[in-house]
Protein backbone atom coordinates (compact mmCIF):
# COMPACT_ATOMS: atom_id res chain seq x y z
CA MET A 1 0.07 -0.09 -0.03
CA SER A 2 1.42 3.31 -0.86
CA ALA A 3 0.28 7.14 -0.56
CA GLU A 4 1.73 10.45 -1.82
CA VAL A 5 1.91 13.07 0.85
CA ASP A 6 3.21 16.36 -0.69
CA ASP A 7 6.70 15.30 -2.87
CA ALA A 8 7.09 12.39 -0.44
CA LEU A 9 5.63 8.71 -0.61
CA VAL A 10 4.55 6.95 2.45
CA LEU A 11 4.51 2.90 2.19
CA MET A 12 2.84 0.24 4.43
CA SER A 13 4.19 -3.22 4.62
CA ILE A 14 1.08 -4.96 5.08
CA GLU A 15 2.95 -8.14 5.83
CA LYS A 16 5.07 -6.62 8.44
CA GLY A 17 2.79 -3.77 9.73
CA ASN A 18 5.33 -1.11 9.39
CA TYR A 19 5.26 2.48 7.41
CA TYR A 20 8.11 3.80 5.16
CA SER A 21 8.80 7.01 3.61
CA LEU A 22 10.45 7.77 0.71
CA ASP A 23 11.58 11.26 -0.64
CA ALA A 24 10.56 12.71 -4.00
CA ILE A 25 13.51 10.82 -5.87
CA GLY A 26 12.72 7.59 -3.82
CA ALA A 27 9.01 8.02 -5.00
CA ASP A 28 9.84 8.34 -8.34
CA ILE A 29 12.06 5.04 -8.31
CA TRP A 30 8.85 3.47 -6.63
CA ARG A 31 6.44 4.64 -9.49
CA ARG A 32 8.82 3.26 -12.40
CA LEU A 33 8.40 -0.06 -10.57
CA GLU A 34 5.08 -0.47 -11.42
CA ARG A 35 6.34 -2.53 -14.66
CA ARG A 36 8.76 -5.24 -14.26
CA ILE A 37 12.15 -3.12 -15.38
CA ALA A 38 15.96 -4.14 -15.26
CA VAL A 39 17.96 -1.95 -12.79
CA SER A 40 20.17 -0.95 -15.75
CA GLU A 41 17.18 0.46 -17.59
CA LEU A 42 16.13 2.14 -14.62
CA CYS A 43 19.78 3.91 -13.72
CA ALA A 44 19.73 4.93 -17.12
CA ILE A 45 16.39 6.41 -17.16
CA LEU A 46 17.09 8.33 -14.00
CA GLY A 47 20.59 9.29 -15.31
CA GLU A 48 18.75 11.18 -17.91
CA GLU A 49 16.85 13.08 -15.37
CA TYR A 50 18.98 13.71 -12.72
CA ASP A 51 22.51 15.32 -12.69
CA ALA A 52 24.39 12.63 -10.90
CA ASP A 53 27.42 10.41 -11.65
CA PRO A 54 26.00 7.23 -12.97
CA GLU A 55 28.19 5.01 -10.53
CA THR A 56 26.30 7.02 -7.83
CA ILE A 57 22.66 6.62 -9.36
CA ARG A 58 23.53 2.89 -9.45
CA ARG A 59 24.95 2.71 -5.78
CA ASP A 60 21.80 4.44 -4.54
CA VAL A 61 19.19 2.64 -6.63
CA LEU A 62 20.80 -0.79 -5.74
CA ALA A 63 20.79 0.32 -1.96
CA LEU A 64 16.77 1.43 -2.03
CA LEU A 65 16.10 -1.81 -3.96
CA ASP A 66 17.69 -3.83 -1.50
CA ALA A 67 16.10 -2.07 1.23
CA LEU A 68 12.54 -2.61 -0.15
CA ALA A 69 13.38 -6.03 -0.93
CA LYS A 70 14.51 -6.74 2.77
CA GLU A 71 11.31 -5.22 3.76
CA CYS A 72 9.26 -7.36 1.50
CA LEU A 73 7.87 -4.35 -0.55
CA ILE A 74 9.41 -5.39 -3.82
CA GLU A 75 10.65 -8.83 -5.27
CA ILE A 76 13.79 -8.58 -7.13
CA LEU A 77 13.93 -11.07 -9.92
CA PRO A 78 16.51 -12.53 -12.05
CA ASP A 79 17.42 -10.80 -15.22
CA PRO A 80 16.05 -12.99 -17.90
CA THR A 81 18.84 -11.81 -20.39
CA ALA A 82 21.63 -12.71 -17.99
């Protein structure tokens, strides 16, 4: 479950009963996860929209995805092309 609050996004893990808050960039990433997307594609899209070093984007995206997966908010699937 999720709800937008100003520029942030509040998520609720029904399974764990916990709430989580994402800033504007985290919320942007969350919305892009509505469809299955490869990490490389997600990072490339974000690189076009945000002024940041590609390695920084990749590191930050992986950290967010890992945190979301640990809280059972997303499921990370293997890359079918790998």
